[in-house]
Amino acid sequence: MNTSGDLISTQERSWRRRRLDPNRSLGLRLTVAATAAFLVLVPFALLALLVLGAWSPLSRLDASITDALHGYAVDHPAWVRFMEVWTHVFGPGPLRVAAAAVVVWLLLRGAPRLALWVVTTMTVGGLLGALLKLLVGRHRPDLLDPVARAAGYSFPSGHALNATLAAGVLLLVFLPFARHSRPLRGALWAAAVLIAVVTGLSRIALGVHWTSDVVGGWLLGVAVVAATSAAFSTWRTRVGRRPARTAREGVEPELAEPGPDEPELAEPGPDGRHA
């Protein structure tokens, strides 16, 4: 009798069942979140390898996009000014200040764990970006008539990375307040995507990053937010809280629950109206 082998096989089946069983929503959602983070990290890792290897098709694509956008920028000063304003307003510094303000607000609201999640996500993502810049050591575009300048290495884009981190963090923090309003929820998602996308595009338009730098920043930012969100969901189940529908109600739905002196908003009826 192979008792030990049967026991291991039973344990493996039990683990898979807990992770994939739709009736065990937390295990399934954690598996989906971890899988999403992995699936985002895979293309990021492949992109980083192509950058390190100076793969000629990627280099040609980067150069052609940079040349086209640079030519447009040289002929349109107003476009350059708009991109400069956007890239400064939604740069890493202002976004970190915004995240810090949210952390203070969360602490005052009595949500220290969620505040720690915000700090962890922004810090881990920022440190990974800085480390990868040093490891890859890619130089920025060298244009004859630059419309903007930036220091440091190029891959991944720090602006694209931090915009994705901050947009993701702010989205998941404030989604609980929109869980009963589909238009408001859609507006929050649209704002988050707009901030991340336009901030990344501004770096290409100004000629201070290659396109693959920006794509790398986006991918890394999404992977970090997905990974830390999965870790936060693990903590929630350990303290007995229900699994959160992250895309609809953020990572901490209880944040929007009324206090003892506040009226509670009823669930919307079939027609979308509140009772």
C-alpha atoms as a PDB file:
ATOM      1  CA  MET A   1       0.000   0.000   0.000  1.00  0.00           C
ATOM      2  CA  ASN A   2       1.285   3.412  -0.928  1.00  0.00           C
ATOM      3  CA  THR A   3      -0.374   5.339   1.895  1.00  0.00           C
ATOM      4  CA  SER A   4       1.932   8.354   1.770  1.00  0.00           C
ATOM      5  CA  GLY A   5       1.512   8.698  -1.983  1.00  0.00           C
ATOM      6  CA  ASP A   6      -2.270   8.489  -1.710  1.00  0.00           C
ATOM      7  CA  LEU A   7      -2.218  11.109   1.054  1.00  0.00           C
ATOM      8  CA  ILE A   8      -0.141  13.520  -1.043  1.00  0.00           C
ATOM      9  CA  SER A   9      -2.398  12.976  -4.042  1.00  0.00           C
ATOM     10  CA  THR A  10      -5.488  13.617  -1.909  1.00  0.00           C
ATOM     11  CA  GLN A  11      -3.942  16.792  -0.494  1.00  0.00           C
ATOM     12  CA  GLU A  12      -3.062  18.034  -3.993  1.00  0.00           C
ATOM     13  CA  ARG A  13      -6.624  17.419  -5.214  1.00  0.00           C
ATOM     14  CA  SER A  14      -7.987  19.145  -2.113  1.00  0.00           C
ATOM     15  CA  TRP A  15      -5.746  22.177  -2.717  1.00  0.00           C
ATOM     16  CA  ARG A  16      -6.819  22.421  -6.356  1.00  0.00           C
ATOM     17  CA  ARG A  17     -10.472  22.048  -5.336  1.00  0.00           C
ATOM     18  CA  ARG A  18     -10.192  24.885  -2.815  1.00  0.00           C
ATOM     19  CA  ARG A  19      -8.523  27.109  -5.359  1.00  0.00           C
ATOM     20  CA  LEU A  20     -10.856  26.439  -8.315  1.00  0.00           C
ATOM     21  CA  ASP A  21     -14.186  25.661  -6.640  1.00  0.00           C
ATOM     22  CA  PRO A  22     -16.672  28.478  -7.526  1.00  0.00           C
ATOM     23  CA  ASN A  23     -18.374  27.884  -4.168  1.00  0.00           C
ATOM     24  CA  ARG A  24     -15.163  28.842  -2.383  1.00  0.00           C
ATOM     25  CA  SER A  25     -15.137  32.381  -3.730  1.00  0.00           C
ATOM     26  CA  LEU A  26     -12.083  33.584  -1.825  1.00  0.00           C
ATOM     27  CA  GLY A  27      -9.845  30.752  -2.993  1.00  0.00           C
ATOM     28  CA  LEU A  28     -11.030  31.191  -6.557  1.00  0.00           C
ATOM     29  CA  ARG A  29     -10.497  34.965  -6.491  1.00  0.00           C
ATOM     30  CA  LEU A  30      -7.047  34.648  -4.961  1.00  0.00           C
ATOM     31  CA  THR A  31      -6.145  32.166  -7.681  1.00  0.00           C
ATOM     32  CA  VAL A  32      -7.466  34.505 -10.369  1.00  0.00           C
ATOM     33  CA  ALA A  33      -5.572  37.481  -8.874  1.00  0.00           C
ATOM     34  CA  ALA A  34      -2.320  35.527  -8.591  1.00  0.00           C
ATOM     35  CA  THR A  35      -2.753  34.191 -12.123  1.00  0.00           C
ATOM     36  CA  ALA A  36      -3.419  37.705 -13.423  1.00  0.00           C
ATOM     37  CA  ALA A  37      -0.262  39.010 -11.759  1.00  0.00           C
ATOM     38  CA  PHE A  38       1.734  36.127 -13.243  1.00  0.00           C
ATOM     39  CA  LEU A  39       0.269  36.619 -16.719  1.00  0.00           C
ATOM     40  CA  VAL A  40       1.198  40.301 -16.602  1.00  0.00           C
ATOM     41  CA  LEU A  41       4.707  39.563 -15.327  1.00  0.00           C
ATOM     42  CA  VAL A  42       5.371  37.116 -18.164  1.00  0.00           C
ATOM     43  CA  PRO A  43       5.067  39.706 -20.969  1.00  0.00           C
ATOM     44  CA  PHE A  44       6.982  42.194 -18.824  1.00  0.00           C
ATOM     45  CA  ALA A  45       9.816  39.711 -18.371  1.00  0.00           C
ATOM     46  CA  LEU A  46       9.835  38.923 -22.106  1.00  0.00           C
ATOM     47  CA  LEU A  47       9.870  42.625 -22.939  1.00  0.00           C
ATOM     48  CA  ALA A  48      12.751  43.220 -20.526  1.00  0.00           C
ATOM     49  CA  LEU A  49      14.726  40.392 -22.134  1.00  0.00           C
ATOM     50  CA  LEU A  50      14.119  41.847 -25.592  1.00  0.00           C
ATOM     51  CA  VAL A  51      15.289  45.249 -24.377  1.00  0.00           C
ATOM     52  CA  LEU A  52      18.385  43.745 -22.758  1.00  0.00           C
ATOM     53  CA  GLY A  53      19.166  41.837 -25.922  1.00  0.00           C
ATOM     54  CA  ALA A  54      18.638  44.934 -28.095  1.00  0.00           C
ATOM     55  CA  TRP A  55      16.276  42.947 -30.335  1.00  0.00           C
ATOM     56  CA  SER A  56      16.404  44.775 -33.658  1.00  0.00           C
ATOM     57  CA  PRO A  57      12.658  44.614 -34.563  1.00  0.00           C
ATOM     58  CA  LEU A  58      11.773  46.163 -31.189  1.00  0.00           C
ATOM     59  CA  SER A  59      14.491  48.790 -31.568  1.00  0.00           C
ATOM     60  CA  ARG A  60      13.231  49.711 -35.042  1.00  0.00           C
ATOM     61  CA  LEU A  61       9.652  49.957 -33.806  1.00  0.00           C
ATOM     62  CA  ASP A  62      10.692  52.150 -30.879  1.00  0.00           C
ATOM     63  CA  ALA A  63      12.743  54.398 -33.158  1.00  0.00           C
ATOM     64  CA  SER A  64       9.990  54.788 -35.762  1.00  0.00           C
ATOM     65  CA  ILE A  65       7.367  55.770 -33.161  1.00  0.00           C
ATOM     66  CA  THR A  66       9.759  58.169 -31.461  1.00  0.00           C
ATOM     67  CA  ASP A  67      10.728  59.824 -34.756  1.00  0.00           C
ATOM     68  CA  ALA A  68       7.082  60.238 -35.810  1.00  0.00           C
ATOM     69  CA  LEU A  69       5.979  61.761 -32.506  1.00  0.00           C
ATOM     70  CA  HIS A  70       9.065  63.941 -32.284  1.00  0.00           C
ATOM     71  CA  GLY A  71       8.421  65.359 -35.728  1.00  0.00           C
ATOM     72  CA  TYR A  72       4.862  66.214 -34.688  1.00  0.00           C
ATOM     73  CA  ALA A  73       6.052  67.785 -31.423  1.00  0.00           C
ATOM     74  CA  VAL A  74       8.597  70.019 -33.167  1.00  0.00           C
ATOM     75  CA  ASP A  75       5.854  71.430 -35.403  1.00  0.00           C
ATOM     76  CA  HIS A  76       3.248  71.838 -32.615  1.00  0.00           C
ATOM     77  CA  PRO A  77       4.534  73.783 -29.589  1.00  0.00           C
ATOM     78  CA  ALA A  78       1.069  73.876 -27.984  1.00  0.00           C
ATOM     79  CA  TRP A  79       1.008  70.068 -27.989  1.00  0.00           C
ATOM     80  CA  VAL A  80       4.393  70.026 -26.272  1.00  0.00           C
ATOM     81  CA  ARG A  81       3.221  72.456 -23.589  1.00  0.00           C
ATOM     82  CA  PHE A  82       0.136  70.331 -22.906  1.00  0.00           C
ATOM     83  CA  MET A  83       2.224  67.177 -22.632  1.00  0.00           C
ATOM     84  CA  GLU A  84       4.689  68.936 -20.322  1.00  0.00           C
ATOM     85  CA  VAL A  85       1.920  70.135 -18.023  1.00  0.00           C
ATOM     86  CA  TRP A  86       0.348  66.685 -17.931  1.00  0.00           C
ATOM     87  CA  THR A  87       3.623  64.859 -17.292  1.00  0.00           C
ATOM     88  CA  HIS A  88       4.464  67.205 -14.395  1.00  0.00           C
ATOM     89  CA  VAL A  89       0.998  67.177 -12.798  1.00  0.00           C
ATOM     90  CA  PHE A  90       0.818  63.376 -12.936  1.00  0.00           C
ATOM     91  CA  GLY A  91       4.503  62.738 -12.339  1.00  0.00           C
ATOM     92  CA  PRO A  92       5.808  60.412  -9.604  1.00  0.00           C
ATOM     93  CA  GLY A  93       6.213  63.231  -7.056  1.00  0.00           C
ATOM     94  CA  PRO A  94       2.660  64.632  -7.154  1.00  0.00           C
ATOM     95  CA  LEU A  95       1.153  61.138  -7.327  1.00  0.00           C
ATOM     96  CA  ARG A  96       3.104  60.042  -4.255  1.00  0.00           C
ATOM     97  CA  VAL A  97       1.868  63.143  -2.428  1.00  0.00           C
ATOM     98  CA  ALA A  98      -1.695  62.234  -3.422  1.00  0.00           C
ATOM     99  CA  ALA A  99      -1.159  58.668  -2.186  1.00  0.00           C
ATOM    100  CA  ALA A 100       0.268  60.002   1.093  1.00  0.00           C
ATOM    101  CA  ALA A 101      -2.802  62.220   1.533  1.00  0.00           C
ATOM    102  CA  VAL A 102      -5.022  59.170   1.021  1.00  0.00           C
ATOM    103  CA  VAL A 103      -2.977  57.264   3.615  1.00  0.00           C
ATOM    104  CA  VAL A 104      -3.553  60.039   6.178  1.00  0.00           C
ATOM    105  CA  TRP A 105      -7.269  60.066   5.344  1.00  0.00           C
ATOM    106  CA  LEU A 106      -7.482  56.288   5.757  1.00  0.00           C
ATOM    107  CA  LEU A 107      -5.742  56.450   9.140  1.00  0.00           C
ATOM    108  CA  LEU A 108      -8.169  59.117  10.308  1.00  0.00           C
ATOM    109  CA  ARG A 109     -11.039  56.968   9.049  1.00  0.00           C
ATOM    110  CA  GLY A 110      -9.805  53.987  11.066  1.00  0.00           C
ATOM    111  CA  ALA A 111      -8.486  51.834   8.205  1.00  0.00           C
ATOM    112  CA  PRO A 112      -4.801  51.287   9.096  1.00  0.00           C
ATOM    113  CA  ARG A 113      -4.531  48.003   7.167  1.00  0.00           C
ATOM    114  CA  LEU A 114      -5.777  49.635   3.987  1.00  0.00           C
ATOM    115  CA  ALA A 115      -3.385  52.542   4.554  1.00  0.00           C
ATOM    116  CA  LEU A 116      -0.544  50.035   4.893  1.00  0.00           C
ATOM    117  CA  TRP A 117      -1.623  48.400   1.634  1.00  0.00           C
ATOM    118  CA  VAL A 118      -1.419  51.770  -0.152  1.00  0.00           C
ATOM    119  CA  VAL A 119       2.061  52.435   1.268  1.00  0.00           C
ATOM    120  CA  THR A 120       3.242  48.923   0.423  1.00  0.00           C
ATOM    121  CA  THR A 121       1.967  49.030  -3.154  1.00  0.00           C
ATOM    122  CA  MET A 122       3.490  52.412  -3.934  1.00  0.00           C
ATOM    123  CA  THR A 123       6.794  51.595  -2.204  1.00  0.00           C
ATOM    124  CA  VAL A 124       7.283  48.109  -3.650  1.00  0.00           C
ATOM    125  CA  GLY A 125       6.425  49.276  -7.149  1.00  0.00           C
ATOM    126  CA  GLY A 126       8.680  52.311  -6.921  1.00  0.00           C
ATOM    127  CA  LEU A 127      11.634  50.308  -5.608  1.00  0.00           C
ATOM    128  CA  LEU A 128      11.200  47.628  -8.273  1.00  0.00           C
ATOM    129  CA  GLY A 129      11.158  50.281 -10.971  1.00  0.00           C
ATOM    130  CA  ALA A 130      14.318  51.960  -9.680  1.00  0.00           C
ATOM    131  CA  LEU A 131      16.124  48.619  -9.345  1.00  0.00           C
ATOM    132  CA  LEU A 132      15.147  47.491 -12.832  1.00  0.00           C
ATOM    133  CA  LYS A 133      16.369  50.762 -14.315  1.00  0.00           C
ATOM    134  CA  LEU A 134      19.805  50.067 -12.853  1.00  0.00           C
ATOM    135  CA  LEU A 135      19.806  46.411 -13.906  1.00  0.00           C
ATOM    136  CA  VAL A 136      18.705  47.062 -17.494  1.00  0.00           C
ATOM    137  CA  GLY A 137      20.710  50.275 -17.925  1.00  0.00           C
ATOM    138  CA  ARG A 138      18.958  51.370 -21.089  1.00  0.00           C
ATOM    139  CA  HIS A 139      19.701  54.842 -22.438  1.00  0.00           C
ATOM    140  CA  ARG A 140      16.978  57.319 -23.327  1.00  0.00           C
ATOM    141  CA  PRO A 141      16.317  58.528 -26.896  1.00  0.00           C
ATOM    142  CA  ASP A 142      19.034  60.835 -28.183  1.00  0.00           C
ATOM    143  CA  LEU A 143      17.298  63.327 -30.473  1.00  0.00           C
ATOM    144  CA  LEU A 144      18.956  66.088 -32.488  1.00  0.00           C
ATOM    145  CA  ASP A 145      16.382  68.733 -31.574  1.00  0.00           C
ATOM    146  CA  PRO A 146      14.795  67.561 -28.284  1.00  0.00           C
ATOM    147  CA  VAL A 147      11.670  69.273 -26.955  1.00  0.00           C
ATOM    148  CA  ALA A 148      12.283  67.951 -23.425  1.00  0.00           C
ATOM    149  CA  ARG A 149      15.040  66.339 -21.399  1.00  0.00           C
ATOM    150  CA  ALA A 150      15.145  63.797 -18.590  1.00  0.00           C
ATOM    151  CA  ALA A 151      17.928  62.226 -16.557  1.00  0.00           C
ATOM    152  CA  GLY A 152      18.569  58.618 -15.613  1.00  0.00           C
ATOM    153  CA  TYR A 153      18.035  55.309 -17.342  1.00  0.00           C
ATOM    154  CA  SER A 154      15.019  54.573 -19.466  1.00  0.00           C
ATOM    155  CA  PHE A 155      13.482  51.110 -18.847  1.00  0.00           C
ATOM    156  CA  PRO A 156      10.906  50.894 -17.361  1.00  0.00           C
ATOM    157  CA  SER A 157       9.332  54.337 -17.450  1.00  0.00           C
ATOM    158  CA  GLY A 158       9.016  55.651 -13.900  1.00  0.00           C
ATOM    159  CA  HIS A 159       6.182  57.977 -14.901  1.00  0.00           C
ATOM    160  CA  ALA A 160       4.166  55.162 -16.514  1.00  0.00           C
ATOM    161  CA  LEU A 161       4.866  52.843 -13.583  1.00  0.00           C
ATOM    162  CA  ASN A 162       3.940  55.316 -10.848  1.00  0.00           C
ATOM    163  CA  ALA A 163       0.873  56.559 -12.727  1.00  0.00           C
ATOM    164  CA  THR A 164      -0.349  52.957 -12.994  1.00  0.00           C
ATOM    165  CA  LEU A 165       0.379  52.286  -9.322  1.00  0.00           C
ATOM    166  CA  ALA A 166      -1.320  55.458  -8.106  1.00  0.00           C
ATOM    167  CA  ALA A 167      -4.296  55.108 -10.447  1.00  0.00           C
ATOM    168  CA  GLY A 168      -4.786  51.502  -9.374  1.00  0.00           C
ATOM    169  CA  VAL A 169      -4.458  52.280  -5.685  1.00  0.00           C
ATOM    170  CA  LEU A 170      -6.822  55.252  -5.771  1.00  0.00           C
ATOM    171  CA  LEU A 171      -9.314  53.306  -7.873  1.00  0.00           C
ATOM    172  CA  LEU A 172      -9.425  50.346  -5.492  1.00  0.00           C
ATOM    173  CA  VAL A 173      -9.630  52.596  -2.428  1.00  0.00           C
ATOM    174  CA  PHE A 174     -12.566  54.667  -3.697  1.00  0.00           C
ATOM    175  CA  LEU A 175     -14.536  51.995  -5.587  1.00  0.00           C
ATOM    176  CA  PRO A 176     -16.524  51.081  -2.430  1.00  0.00           C
ATOM    177  CA  PHE A 177     -18.190  54.507  -2.591  1.00  0.00           C
ATOM    178  CA  ALA A 178     -19.409  53.763  -6.133  1.00  0.00           C
ATOM    179  CA  ARG A 179     -20.551  50.165  -5.714  1.00  0.00           C
ATOM    180  CA  HIS A 180     -24.240  51.186  -5.912  1.00  0.00           C
ATOM    181  CA  SER A 181     -23.744  53.454  -8.952  1.00  0.00           C
ATOM    182  CA  ARG A 182     -22.667  51.965 -12.245  1.00  0.00           C
ATOM    183  CA  PRO A 183     -22.049  55.370 -13.908  1.00  0.00           C
ATOM    184  CA  LEU A 184     -19.849  56.511 -11.016  1.00  0.00           C
ATOM    185  CA  ARG A 185     -17.989  53.210 -11.044  1.00  0.00           C
ATOM    186  CA  GLY A 186     -17.422  53.559 -14.767  1.00  0.00           C
ATOM    187  CA  ALA A 187     -16.187  57.118 -14.276  1.00  0.00           C
ATOM    188  CA  LEU A 188     -13.646  55.975 -11.678  1.00  0.00           C
ATOM    189  CA  TRP A 189     -12.351  53.246 -13.974  1.00  0.00           C
ATOM    190  CA  ALA A 190     -12.167  55.658 -16.924  1.00  0.00           C
ATOM    191  CA  ALA A 191     -10.260  58.228 -14.854  1.00  0.00           C
ATOM    192  CA  ALA A 192      -7.760  55.612 -13.650  1.00  0.00           C
ATOM    193  CA  VAL A 193      -7.121  54.323 -17.169  1.00  0.00           C
ATOM    194  CA  LEU A 194      -6.874  57.875 -18.547  1.00  0.00           C
ATOM    195  CA  ILE A 195      -4.267  58.924 -15.967  1.00  0.00           C
ATOM    196  CA  ALA A 196      -2.095  55.859 -16.562  1.00  0.00           C
ATOM    197  CA  VAL A 197      -2.357  55.869 -20.355  1.00  0.00           C
ATOM    198  CA  VAL A 198      -1.934  59.585 -21.042  1.00  0.00           C
ATOM    199  CA  THR A 199       0.916  59.912 -18.550  1.00  0.00           C
ATOM    200  CA  GLY A 200       2.776  57.124 -20.322  1.00  0.00           C
ATOM    201  CA  LEU A 201       2.027  58.550 -23.752  1.00  0.00           C
ATOM    202  CA  SER A 202       3.284  61.973 -22.651  1.00  0.00           C
ATOM    203  CA  ARG A 203       6.734  60.492 -22.055  1.00  0.00           C
ATOM    204  CA  ILE A 204       6.865  59.137 -25.595  1.00  0.00           C
ATOM    205  CA  ALA A 205       5.456  62.357 -27.066  1.00  0.00           C
ATOM    206  CA  LEU A 206       8.147  64.404 -25.313  1.00  0.00           C
ATOM    207  CA  GLY A 207      10.864  62.109 -26.633  1.00  0.00           C
ATOM    208  CA  VAL A 208      12.245  61.129 -23.220  1.00  0.00           C
ATOM    209  CA  HIS A 209      11.198  57.453 -23.345  1.00  0.00           C
ATOM    210  CA  TRP A 210      10.944  54.676 -25.883  1.00  0.00           C
ATOM    211  CA  THR A 211       7.513  53.109 -26.372  1.00  0.00           C
ATOM    212  CA  SER A 212       8.679  49.814 -24.865  1.00  0.00           C
ATOM    213  CA  ASP A 213       9.785  51.696 -21.722  1.00  0.00           C
ATOM    214  CA  VAL A 214       6.252  52.936 -21.207  1.00  0.00           C
ATOM    215  CA  VAL A 215       4.657  49.560 -21.944  1.00  0.00           C
ATOM    216  CA  GLY A 216       7.050  48.013 -19.435  1.00  0.00           C
ATOM    217  CA  GLY A 217       6.026  50.562 -16.799  1.00  0.00           C
ATOM    218  CA  TRP A 218       2.342  49.835 -17.376  1.00  0.00           C
ATOM    219  CA  LEU A 219       2.825  46.061 -17.167  1.00  0.00           C
ATOM    220  CA  LEU A 220       4.918  46.229 -14.004  1.00  0.00           C
ATOM    221  CA  GLY A 221       2.451  48.580 -12.332  1.00  0.00           C
ATOM    222  CA  VAL A 222      -0.523  46.326 -13.080  1.00  0.00           C
ATOM    223  CA  ALA A 223       1.390  43.276 -11.809  1.00  0.00           C
ATOM    224  CA  VAL A 224       2.307  44.971  -8.513  1.00  0.00           C
ATOM    225  CA  VAL A 225      -1.265  46.186  -7.870  1.00  0.00           C
ATOM    226  CA  ALA A 226      -2.659  42.726  -8.662  1.00  0.00           C
ATOM    227  CA  ALA A 227      -0.144  41.001  -6.380  1.00  0.00           C
ATOM    228  CA  THR A 228      -0.635  43.313  -3.388  1.00  0.00           C
ATOM    229  CA  SER A 229      -4.421  43.178  -3.832  1.00  0.00           C
ATOM    230  CA  ALA A 230      -4.275  39.382  -3.658  1.00  0.00           C
ATOM    231  CA  ALA A 231      -2.179  39.623  -0.488  1.00  0.00           C
ATOM    232  CA  PHE A 232      -4.700  42.027   1.039  1.00  0.00           C
ATOM    233  CA  SER A 233      -7.533  39.615   0.196  1.00  0.00           C
ATOM    234  CA  THR A 234      -5.637  36.887   2.059  1.00  0.00           C
ATOM    235  CA  TRP A 235      -5.530  39.072   5.166  1.00  0.00           C
ATOM    236  CA  ARG A 236      -9.270  39.763   4.878  1.00  0.00           C
ATOM    237  CA  THR A 237     -10.162  36.092   5.045  1.00  0.00           C
ATOM    238  CA  ARG A 238      -7.849  35.536   8.009  1.00  0.00           C
ATOM    239  CA  VAL A 239      -9.789  38.095  10.030  1.00  0.00           C
ATOM    240  CA  GLY A 240     -13.136  36.702   8.931  1.00  0.00           C
ATOM    241  CA  ARG A 241     -14.219  39.300   6.400  1.00  0.00           C
ATOM    242  CA  ARG A 242     -16.157  38.351   3.297  1.00  0.00           C
ATOM    243  CA  PRO A 243     -14.389  38.147  -0.062  1.00  0.00           C
ATOM    244  CA  ALA A 244     -14.477  41.439  -1.959  1.00  0.00           C
ATOM    245  CA  ARG A 245     -15.496  41.794  -5.597  1.00  0.00           C
ATOM    246  CA  THR A 246     -12.437  43.886  -6.292  1.00  0.00           C
ATOM    247  CA  ALA A 247     -13.357  45.210  -9.743  1.00  0.00           C
ATOM    248  CA  ARG A 248     -16.696  46.461  -8.423  1.00  0.00           C
ATOM    249  CA  GLU A 249     -16.190  47.358  -4.767  1.00  0.00           C
ATOM    250  CA  GLY A 250     -12.429  47.706  -4.319  1.00  0.00           C
ATOM    251  CA  VAL A 251     -10.220  45.884  -1.851  1.00  0.00           C
ATOM    252  CA  GLU A 252     -12.054  47.055   1.306  1.00  0.00           C
ATOM    253  CA  PRO A 253     -15.842  47.366   0.733  1.00  0.00           C
ATOM    254  CA  GLU A 254     -16.418  48.154   4.421  1.00  0.00           C
ATOM    255  CA  LEU A 255     -14.708  51.520   3.948  1.00  0.00           C
ATOM    256  CA  ALA A 256     -17.940  52.964   2.545  1.00  0.00           C
ATOM    257  CA  GLU A 257     -20.204  51.519   5.216  1.00  0.00           C
ATOM    258  CA  PRO A 258     -21.957  54.203   7.281  1.00  0.00           C
ATOM    259  CA  GLY A 259     -20.946  54.816  10.872  1.00  0.00           C
ATOM    260  CA  PRO A 260     -23.333  54.339  13.782  1.00  0.00           C
ATOM    261  CA  ASP A 261     -24.691  57.892  13.389  1.00  0.00           C
ATOM    262  CA  GLU A 262     -24.964  57.846   9.593  1.00  0.00           C
ATOM    263  CA  PRO A 263     -27.999  56.641   7.612  1.00  0.00           C
ATOM    264  CA  GLU A 264     -27.377  53.496   5.595  1.00  0.00           C
ATOM    265  CA  LEU A 265     -27.946  53.605   1.854  1.00  0.00           C
ATOM    266  CA  ALA A 266     -30.292  50.869   0.744  1.00  0.00           C
ATOM    267  CA  GLU A 267     -29.427  48.456  -2.027  1.00  0.00           C
ATOM    268  CA  PRO A 268     -30.732  49.600  -5.437  1.00  0.00           C
ATOM    269  CA  GLY A 269     -33.855  47.923  -6.745  1.00  0.00           C
ATOM    270  CA  PRO A 270     -34.305  46.283 -10.168  1.00  0.00           C
ATOM    271  CA  ASP A 271     -34.790  49.683 -11.783  1.00  0.00           C
ATOM    272  CA  GLY A 272     -31.466  50.937 -10.360  1.00  0.00           C
ATOM    273  CA  ARG A 273     -33.150  53.292  -7.889  1.00  0.00           C
ATOM    274  CA  HIS A 274     -32.560  53.296  -4.159  1.00  0.00           C
ATOM    275  CA  ALA A 275     -35.482  52.590  -1.864  1.00  0.00           C
END
